[in-house]
Amino acid sequence: MSTPSLATPAPPQAFSPYQKVVLGLLAFLQFAVILDFMLMAPLGALIMPALSITPKQFGLVVSAYAFSAGAAGLLTAGFADRFDRKKLLLFFYTGFVLGTLWCGLSPTFESLLAARIVTGLFGGVIGSIVLAIATDLFPASMRGRVMGLIQTAFAASQVLGLPAGLYLSSRWDWHMPFFAMAALGLVGGLVVAWRLQPVDAHLKLPQERGAFSHLLHTVTVPRHLLAFATTALLTTGGFMLMPFSSAFTVNNLGISMHSLPTIYLVTGLCTIVFGPLIGRAADRFGKFRVFTVGTLLSMTMVEIYTHLDPVPLPVLIAVNAVLFVGIFSRMIPFQAIVAGVPTPAQRGAFNAISASVQQLSGGVASVIAGHIVTLGADGRLQHFDRIGHVVVGASIVSFMLLWRLQKSVAAG
């Protein structure tokens, strides 16, 4: 297996003032969608007694978002390239804000479940539109930095959003974080409508007549399938570890529950700092090179993390921080590479399908992990190390797939 040509690119081109504005808006939109998804888990302790629902019902509320978001991507893929991307973004973002408001107003389990389904139907498409706009407006030489900055939204939601949401819920009740998000989302949406210019260059390209034909042709392109498979495998790793990380930290490593916010805070801050640096490195030294380094680092840290015995808090924080740097060193260059896979006329459909693949594969990965891990009589997680082996295996296969995809993109 030969290594693809990886000539060092020229020094990065500077962002224009308008590009900086767009990048800030896209990062905010990503932050809002990710925070809405992440808030449900920590609010569970308040929502379940308030609505008199069981853990099984709450699990249904959480998973409803993911499955409706996955369905939304497939349902909208055929139409995703037929409209100005700004108008499409504002349509789905409006539905997302209204769905978030509905969550805050929900007095019963049934109402909250319906609200999460609606929020997922609209919110699940926003990320794919954000990536399509970023790819349309930024050349390949900038996409590493662009994806690096957009991905810091995940870390920002940990550092800024989660503590704020938990504070509001403890100061008032569980409804308040959703009201605050809806208000913030409304302001952000108005700024997007005001500052973002139309994104409609793809409409000047030849369009297929039927939405189903457009969807079918997007799905059947060989290198699109390669990209979807790589996305599924990369997503599998994160969703197998994340659901059990808190339980593993507390029950197996002996870390206090009160120390979890500190772990999330430091890890999030490290990711905020390193995310843009990883993007710069991808643009300067080559995206596949950085992906390779990230793959090696993340595989090493996954094996270390899943085999840990009780350790001091500073050691665990360091392991978590390096692990997330490794994960982001894969995801940022991966997204920058995959952005160049579809043609502009298929970019919206490709990203919508990719988002669906990500949501659905994440759900499947969580189910698989739940069948691997068991709870011992002492409360400790058993076989957590096996998840590490599965994640490393998926990482190796995803590296080989991206190597093939990189060659396909380079060959045109």
Protein backbone atom coordinates (compact mmCIF):
# COMPACT_ATOMS: atom_id res chain seq x y z
CA MET A 1 0.00 0.00 0.00
CA SER A 2 1.76 3.13 -1.22
CA THR A 3 1.43 6.51 0.45
CA PRO A 4 -0.44 9.20 -1.52
CA SER A 5 1.37 12.31 -2.63
CA LEU A 6 1.51 14.69 0.33
CA ALA A 7 3.40 17.78 -0.79
CA THR A 8 3.50 20.49 1.85
CA PRO A 9 0.97 23.22 0.96
CA ALA A 10 1.82 26.90 0.78
CA PRO A 11 1.41 29.06 3.91
CA PRO A 12 -2.29 29.50 4.80
CA GLN A 13 -4.25 32.32 3.15
CA ALA A 14 -5.78 34.90 5.50
CA PHE A 15 -9.56 35.07 6.03
CA SER A 16 -11.39 38.08 4.63
CA PRO A 17 -13.57 40.16 7.01
CA TYR A 18 -16.74 38.60 5.59
CA GLN A 19 -15.30 35.09 5.88
CA LYS A 20 -14.58 35.77 9.56
CA VAL A 21 -18.21 36.80 10.09
CA VAL A 22 -19.48 33.68 8.30
CA LEU A 23 -17.16 31.44 10.29
CA GLY A 24 -18.39 32.94 13.55
CA LEU A 25 -22.02 32.42 12.52
CA LEU A 26 -21.44 28.81 11.48
CA ALA A 27 -19.61 28.05 14.72
CA PHE A 28 -22.49 29.54 16.71
CA LEU A 29 -25.06 27.44 14.84
CA GLN A 30 -23.03 24.30 15.47
CA PHE A 31 -22.71 25.24 19.15
CA ALA A 32 -26.48 25.70 19.52
CA VAL A 33 -27.34 22.35 17.93
CA ILE A 34 -24.72 20.39 19.88
CA LEU A 35 -25.67 21.99 23.19
CA ASP A 36 -29.35 21.19 22.67
CA PHE A 37 -28.46 17.53 22.13
CA MET A 38 -26.01 17.32 25.05
CA LEU A 39 -28.21 19.08 27.62
CA MET A 40 -30.76 16.26 27.91
CA ALA A 41 -28.48 13.76 29.67
CA PRO A 42 -27.45 15.92 32.67
CA LEU A 43 -31.02 17.26 33.03
CA GLY A 44 -32.38 13.73 33.37
CA ALA A 45 -32.07 13.74 37.15
CA LEU A 46 -34.48 16.71 37.25
CA ILE A 47 -36.80 15.81 34.38
CA MET A 48 -37.62 12.25 35.51
CA PRO A 49 -39.08 13.16 38.93
CA ALA A 50 -40.66 16.36 37.61
CA LEU A 51 -42.65 14.50 34.93
CA SER A 52 -42.93 11.22 36.91
CA ILE A 53 -41.30 9.18 34.17
CA THR A 54 -39.10 6.08 34.33
CA PRO A 55 -35.47 5.82 33.13
CA LYS A 56 -36.76 3.77 30.18
CA GLN A 57 -39.07 6.60 29.17
CA PHE A 58 -36.32 9.17 29.57
CA GLY A 59 -34.04 7.01 27.41
CA LEU A 60 -36.75 7.10 24.75
CA VAL A 61 -36.85 10.91 24.96
CA VAL A 62 -33.06 11.07 24.46
CA SER A 63 -32.93 8.57 21.59
CA ALA A 64 -35.97 10.13 19.86
CA TYR A 65 -33.85 13.13 18.87
CA ALA A 66 -31.09 10.99 17.33
CA PHE A 67 -33.43 8.78 15.31
CA SER A 68 -35.59 11.66 14.07
CA ALA A 69 -32.43 13.57 13.13
CA GLY A 70 -31.19 10.56 11.19
CA ALA A 71 -34.51 10.23 9.38
CA ALA A 72 -34.57 13.96 8.61
CA GLY A 73 -31.26 13.80 6.77
CA LEU A 74 -32.52 11.08 4.44
CA LEU A 75 -35.88 12.80 3.91
CA THR A 76 -34.33 16.15 2.96
CA ALA A 77 -31.33 14.89 0.98
CA GLY A 78 -33.16 14.91 -2.33
CA PHE A 79 -34.16 18.57 -1.90
CA ALA A 80 -31.00 19.86 -0.20
CA ASP A 81 -29.41 21.21 -3.40
CA ARG A 82 -32.53 22.81 -4.87
CA PHE A 83 -32.62 25.94 -2.71
CA ASP A 84 -30.43 28.80 -1.61
CA ARG A 85 -28.53 27.27 1.33
CA LYS A 86 -29.16 30.37 3.45
CA LYS A 87 -32.94 30.05 3.04
CA LEU A 88 -32.75 26.31 3.73
CA LEU A 89 -30.68 26.97 6.84
CA LEU A 90 -33.09 29.59 8.18
CA PHE A 91 -36.10 27.30 7.55
CA PHE A 92 -34.66 24.41 9.55
CA TYR A 93 -33.15 26.68 12.18
CA THR A 94 -36.55 28.29 12.80
CA GLY A 95 -38.07 24.85 13.35
CA PHE A 96 -35.20 23.96 15.67
CA VAL A 97 -35.71 27.07 17.83
CA LEU A 98 -39.47 26.46 18.01
CA GLY A 99 -38.86 22.83 18.94
CA THR A 100 -36.49 23.93 21.71
CA LEU A 101 -39.14 26.33 23.01
CA TRP A 102 -41.68 23.49 22.92
CA CYS A 103 -39.30 21.40 25.07
CA GLY A 104 -39.30 24.13 27.70
CA LEU A 105 -43.09 24.37 27.64
CA SER A 106 -43.71 20.61 27.81
CA PRO A 107 -45.75 19.60 30.90
CA THR A 108 -45.90 15.84 30.21
CA PHE A 109 -43.79 12.95 28.93
CA GLU A 110 -45.80 12.74 25.71
CA SER A 111 -45.38 16.45 25.01
CA LEU A 112 -41.64 16.34 25.69
CA LEU A 113 -41.22 13.27 23.48
CA ALA A 114 -43.05 14.98 20.62
CA ALA A 115 -40.98 18.13 21.14
CA ARG A 116 -37.71 16.18 20.96
CA ILE A 117 -38.84 14.46 17.75
CA VAL A 118 -39.65 17.82 16.17
CA THR A 119 -36.39 19.35 17.40
CA GLY A 120 -34.45 16.41 15.92
CA LEU A 121 -36.26 16.64 12.59
CA PHE A 122 -35.14 20.25 12.19
CA GLY A 123 -31.91 20.33 14.20
CA GLY A 124 -30.51 17.16 12.67
CA VAL A 125 -30.23 18.82 9.26
CA ILE A 126 -28.57 22.06 10.39
CA GLY A 127 -25.10 20.55 10.81
CA SER A 128 -25.09 19.24 7.24
CA ILE A 129 -26.18 22.64 5.86
CA VAL A 130 -23.46 24.35 7.91
CA LEU A 131 -20.82 22.05 6.36
CA ALA A 132 -22.22 22.62 2.86
CA ILE A 133 -22.06 26.40 3.31
CA ALA A 134 -18.53 26.18 4.73
CA THR A 135 -17.41 24.12 1.73
CA ASP A 136 -19.13 26.47 -0.74
CA LEU A 137 -17.61 29.65 0.72
CA PHE A 138 -14.11 28.50 1.68
CA PRO A 139 -11.50 27.02 -0.69
CA ALA A 140 -9.75 23.71 0.04
CA SER A 141 -6.64 25.53 1.31
CA MET A 142 -8.70 27.01 4.19
CA ARG A 143 -10.91 24.08 5.11
CA GLY A 144 -8.66 22.63 7.79
CA ARG A 145 -8.82 25.87 9.76
CA VAL A 146 -12.53 26.23 9.05
CA MET A 147 -13.38 22.74 10.30
CA GLY A 148 -11.08 23.23 13.27
CA LEU A 149 -12.93 26.36 14.37
CA ILE A 150 -16.38 24.89 13.72
CA GLN A 151 -15.51 21.77 15.70
CA THR A 152 -14.53 23.84 18.74
CA ALA A 153 -18.29 24.31 19.16
CA PHE A 154 -18.37 20.84 20.71
CA ALA A 155 -15.80 21.83 23.31
CA ALA A 156 -17.45 25.21 23.89
CA SER A 157 -20.74 23.49 24.66
CA GLN A 158 -18.92 21.56 27.41
CA VAL A 159 -17.06 24.54 28.83
CA LEU A 160 -19.72 27.24 28.52
CA GLY A 161 -23.06 25.67 27.73
CA LEU A 162 -23.37 22.71 30.07
CA PRO A 163 -22.39 24.58 33.26
CA ALA A 164 -24.72 27.45 32.33
CA GLY A 165 -27.57 25.03 31.62
CA LEU A 166 -27.06 23.17 34.88
CA TYR A 167 -26.90 26.45 36.81
CA LEU A 168 -30.18 27.68 35.29
CA SER A 169 -31.90 24.40 36.06
CA SER A 170 -30.72 24.41 39.68
CA ARG A 171 -31.58 28.12 40.12
CA TRP A 172 -35.08 27.74 38.64
CA ASP A 173 -36.12 24.39 37.11
CA TRP A 174 -35.38 22.13 34.14
CA HIS A 175 -37.52 24.26 31.79
CA MET A 176 -35.28 27.31 32.07
CA PRO A 177 -32.27 26.04 30.02
CA PHE A 178 -34.57 25.42 27.06
CA PHE A 179 -36.13 28.88 27.36
CA ALA A 180 -32.65 30.43 27.51
CA MET A 181 -31.52 28.42 24.47
CA ALA A 182 -34.61 29.45 22.51
CA ALA A 183 -33.99 33.12 23.33
CA LEU A 184 -30.30 32.87 22.42
CA GLY A 185 -31.21 30.94 19.29
CA LEU A 186 -33.68 33.63 18.22
CA VAL A 187 -31.01 36.33 18.51
CA GLY A 188 -28.50 34.19 16.64
CA GLY A 189 -31.02 33.45 13.89
CA LEU A 190 -31.72 37.14 13.37
CA VAL A 191 -27.98 37.85 13.05
CA VAL A 192 -27.64 35.02 10.51
CA ALA A 193 -30.56 36.41 8.49
CA TRP A 194 -28.97 39.87 8.58
CA ARG A 195 -25.29 39.12 7.91
CA LEU A 196 -25.17 35.92 5.86
CA GLN A 197 -25.41 36.56 2.13
CA PRO A 198 -27.27 34.16 -0.20
CA VAL A 199 -25.41 30.90 -0.86
CA ASP A 200 -26.81 29.91 -4.23
CA ALA A 201 -23.92 29.39 -6.66
CA HIS A 202 -24.83 25.68 -6.88
CA LEU A 203 -28.24 26.62 -8.34
CA LYS A 204 -26.52 27.81 -11.53
CA LEU A 205 -25.28 24.24 -12.13
CA PRO A 206 -27.38 21.63 -14.00
CA GLN A 207 -29.98 20.12 -11.67
CA GLU A 208 -31.62 16.71 -11.82
CA ARG A 209 -35.36 16.75 -12.30
CA GLY A 210 -36.57 14.52 -9.49
CA ALA A 211 -35.65 14.65 -5.81
CA PHE A 212 -35.55 10.85 -5.64
CA SER A 213 -33.22 10.67 -8.64
CA HIS A 214 -30.94 13.20 -6.97
CA LEU A 215 -30.89 11.16 -3.77
CA LEU A 216 -30.28 7.90 -5.65
CA HIS A 217 -27.44 9.32 -7.73
CA THR A 218 -25.80 10.77 -4.62
CA VAL A 219 -25.97 7.47 -2.78
CA THR A 220 -24.66 5.35 -5.64
CA VAL A 221 -21.43 7.27 -6.35
CA PRO A 222 -18.63 4.84 -5.28
CA ARG A 223 -16.49 7.38 -3.46
CA HIS A 224 -19.56 8.77 -1.69
CA LEU A 225 -20.18 5.27 -0.32
CA LEU A 226 -16.54 5.15 0.77
CA ALA A 227 -16.95 8.44 2.62
CA PHE A 228 -20.18 7.27 4.29
CA ALA A 229 -18.49 4.06 5.46
CA THR A 230 -15.56 6.04 6.89
CA THR A 231 -17.97 8.39 8.67
CA ALA A 232 -19.82 5.44 10.22
CA LEU A 233 -16.61 3.88 11.55
CA LEU A 234 -15.23 7.13 12.94
CA THR A 235 -18.56 7.81 14.68
CA THR A 236 -18.63 4.29 16.12
CA GLY A 237 -15.53 4.94 18.23
CA GLY A 238 -16.85 8.00 20.01
CA PHE A 239 -20.35 6.65 20.67
CA MET A 240 -19.02 3.39 22.11
CA LEU A 241 -16.89 5.18 24.72
CA MET A 242 -18.94 8.24 25.65
CA PRO A 243 -22.09 6.61 27.13
CA PHE A 244 -20.03 4.72 29.72
CA SER A 245 -17.21 7.18 30.39
CA SER A 246 -18.80 8.72 33.51
CA ALA A 247 -19.65 5.34 35.05
CA PHE A 248 -16.15 4.03 34.28
CA THR A 249 -14.57 7.13 35.82
CA VAL A 250 -16.58 6.93 39.04
CA ASN A 251 -17.02 3.18 39.56
CA ASN A 252 -13.77 1.80 38.13
CA LEU A 253 -11.28 4.61 38.63
CA GLY A 254 -12.54 5.81 41.99
CA ILE A 255 -12.99 9.45 40.97
CA SER A 256 -15.67 11.41 42.85
CA MET A 257 -18.81 12.53 41.04
CA HIS A 258 -17.99 16.07 42.15
CA SER A 259 -14.77 15.90 40.10
CA LEU A 260 -16.53 15.16 36.79
CA PRO A 261 -17.20 18.85 35.97
CA THR A 262 -13.49 19.54 36.44
CA ILE A 263 -12.59 16.77 34.00
CA TYR A 264 -15.07 18.07 31.41
CA LEU A 265 -13.94 21.66 31.92
CA VAL A 266 -10.21 21.00 31.45
CA THR A 267 -10.80 18.62 28.54
CA GLY A 268 -13.07 21.18 26.86
CA LEU A 269 -10.57 24.00 27.34
CA CYS A 270 -7.78 21.89 25.82
CA THR A 271 -9.97 21.11 22.83
CA ILE A 272 -10.85 24.79 22.36
CA VAL A 273 -7.14 25.63 22.32
CA PHE A 274 -5.98 22.74 20.13
CA GLY A 275 -8.92 22.60 17.66
CA PRO A 276 -7.87 25.69 15.65
CA LEU A 277 -4.20 24.63 15.86
CA ILE A 278 -5.05 21.23 14.43
CA GLY A 279 -6.93 22.93 11.60
CA ARG A 280 -3.92 25.15 10.85
CA ALA A 281 -1.63 22.11 10.85
CA ALA A 282 -3.97 20.30 8.43
CA ASP A 283 -3.85 23.20 5.97
CA ARG A 284 -0.10 23.69 6.30
CA PHE A 285 1.29 20.16 6.48
CA GLY A 286 -1.38 18.13 4.73
CA LYS A 287 -4.75 16.88 5.90
CA PHE A 288 -4.00 13.18 5.52
CA ARG A 289 -0.74 13.54 7.42
CA VAL A 290 -2.51 15.12 10.37
CA PHE A 291 -5.24 12.46 10.18
CA THR A 292 -2.55 9.77 10.34
CA VAL A 293 -0.97 11.32 13.43
CA GLY A 294 -4.39 11.72 15.03
CA THR A 295 -5.27 8.08 14.33
CA LEU A 296 -2.07 6.80 15.93
CA LEU A 297 -2.47 9.09 18.93
CA SER A 298 -6.16 8.31 19.49
CA MET A 299 -5.65 4.53 19.19
CA THR A 300 -2.82 4.67 21.73
CA MET A 301 -4.84 6.77 24.16
CA VAL A 302 -7.98 4.63 23.78
CA GLU A 303 -6.01 1.54 24.80
CA ILE A 304 -4.46 3.42 27.73
CA TYR A 305 -7.80 4.88 28.84
CA THR A 306 -9.82 1.66 28.66
CA HIS A 307 -7.15 -0.27 30.62
CA LEU A 308 -6.72 2.28 33.42
CA ASP A 309 -6.72 1.25 37.07
CA PRO A 310 -7.58 3.75 39.84
CA VAL A 311 -5.43 6.84 39.20
CA PRO A 312 -5.10 10.34 40.68
CA LEU A 313 -7.39 12.99 39.21
CA PRO A 314 -4.58 14.94 37.46
CA VAL A 315 -3.47 11.77 35.64
CA LEU A 316 -7.00 11.05 34.44
CA ILE A 317 -7.45 14.65 33.29
CA ALA A 318 -4.20 14.44 31.29
CA VAL A 319 -5.26 11.13 29.68
CA ASN A 320 -8.69 12.54 28.77
CA ALA A 321 -7.20 15.74 27.34
CA VAL A 322 -4.70 13.89 25.13
CA LEU A 323 -7.39 11.42 24.05
CA PHE A 324 -9.68 14.22 22.88
CA VAL A 325 -6.81 15.97 21.10
CA GLY A 326 -6.22 12.70 19.24
CA ILE A 327 -9.90 12.36 18.37
CA PHE A 328 -10.11 15.93 17.07
CA SER A 329 -6.85 15.41 15.15
CA ARG A 330 -8.77 12.79 13.18
CA MET A 331 -12.15 14.47 12.83
CA ILE A 332 -10.98 17.92 11.70
CA PRO A 333 -8.78 16.78 8.77
CA PHE A 334 -11.31 14.07 7.92
CA GLN A 335 -14.07 16.64 7.48
CA ALA A 336 -11.75 18.85 5.46
CA ILE A 337 -10.91 15.95 3.12
CA VAL A 338 -14.50 14.75 2.79
CA ALA A 339 -15.68 18.30 1.99
CA GLY A 340 -14.01 17.92 -1.41
CA VAL A 341 -15.65 14.57 -2.23
CA PRO A 342 -19.05 15.64 -3.68
CA THR A 343 -19.57 18.04 -6.55
CA PRO A 344 -21.17 21.41 -5.64
CA ALA A 345 -24.46 20.22 -7.18
CA GLN A 346 -24.53 17.19 -4.84
CA ARG A 347 -22.99 18.78 -1.74
CA GLY A 348 -26.22 19.38 0.18
CA ALA A 349 -27.55 15.87 -0.41
CA PHE A 350 -24.18 14.31 0.40
CA ASN A 351 -23.89 16.17 3.71
CA ALA A 352 -27.49 15.39 4.68
CA ILE A 353 -26.95 11.67 4.08
CA SER A 354 -23.62 11.81 5.91
CA ALA A 355 -25.33 13.40 8.93
CA SER A 356 -27.92 10.60 8.91
CA VAL A 357 -25.20 7.99 8.74
CA GLN A 358 -23.48 9.65 11.68
CA GLN A 359 -26.62 9.72 13.83
CA LEU A 360 -27.71 6.18 13.02
CA SER A 361 -24.25 4.61 13.35
CA GLY A 362 -23.84 6.39 16.67
CA GLY A 363 -27.07 4.81 17.92
CA VAL A 364 -26.00 1.37 16.70
CA ALA A 365 -22.58 1.79 18.33
CA SER A 366 -24.19 2.61 21.68
CA VAL A 367 -26.33 -0.52 21.47
CA ILE A 368 -23.30 -2.68 20.62
CA ALA A 369 -21.32 -1.19 23.49
CA GLY A 370 -24.23 -1.91 25.83
CA HIS A 371 -24.04 -5.58 24.89
CA ILE A 372 -20.27 -5.71 25.48
CA VAL A 373 -20.14 -3.95 28.85
CA THR A 374 -21.69 -5.54 31.91
CA LEU A 375 -22.12 -4.29 35.48
CA GLY A 376 -20.33 -6.34 38.12
CA ALA A 377 -21.66 -7.11 41.59
CA ASP A 378 -19.28 -4.47 42.99
CA GLY A 379 -20.70 -1.80 40.67
CA ARG A 380 -17.64 -1.78 38.42
CA LEU A 381 -17.95 -1.97 34.63
CA GLN A 382 -16.75 -5.27 33.21
CA HIS A 383 -15.17 -5.72 29.74
CA PHE A 384 -14.68 -2.00 29.15
CA ASP A 385 -11.26 -2.86 27.74
CA ARG A 386 -12.96 -4.85 24.97
CA ILE A 387 -14.65 -1.67 23.78
CA GLY A 388 -11.16 -0.19 23.44
CA HIS A 389 -10.13 -3.08 21.19
CA VAL A 390 -13.24 -2.62 19.01
CA VAL A 391 -12.59 1.13 18.71
CA VAL A 392 -8.96 0.52 17.70
CA GLY A 393 -10.08 -2.02 15.09
CA ALA A 394 -12.62 0.46 13.69
CA SER A 395 -9.90 3.14 13.63
CA ILE A 396 -7.58 0.94 11.56
CA VAL A 397 -10.31 0.16 9.02
CA SER A 398 -11.35 3.84 8.83
CA PHE A 399 -7.71 4.81 8.18
CA MET A 400 -7.51 2.37 5.25
CA LEU A 401 -10.82 3.62 3.84
CA LEU A 402 -9.75 7.26 4.06
CA TRP A 403 -6.44 6.40 2.39
CA ARG A 404 -8.41 5.02 -0.57
CA LEU A 405 -10.77 8.02 -0.51
CA GLN A 406 -7.81 10.42 -0.45
CA LYS A 407 -6.40 8.76 -3.56
CA SER A 408 -9.79 9.02 -5.28
CA VAL A 409 -10.12 12.72 -4.48
CA ALA A 410 -6.53 13.43 -5.59
CA ALA A 411 -7.16 11.59 -8.88
CA GLY A 412 -10.24 13.73 -9.49
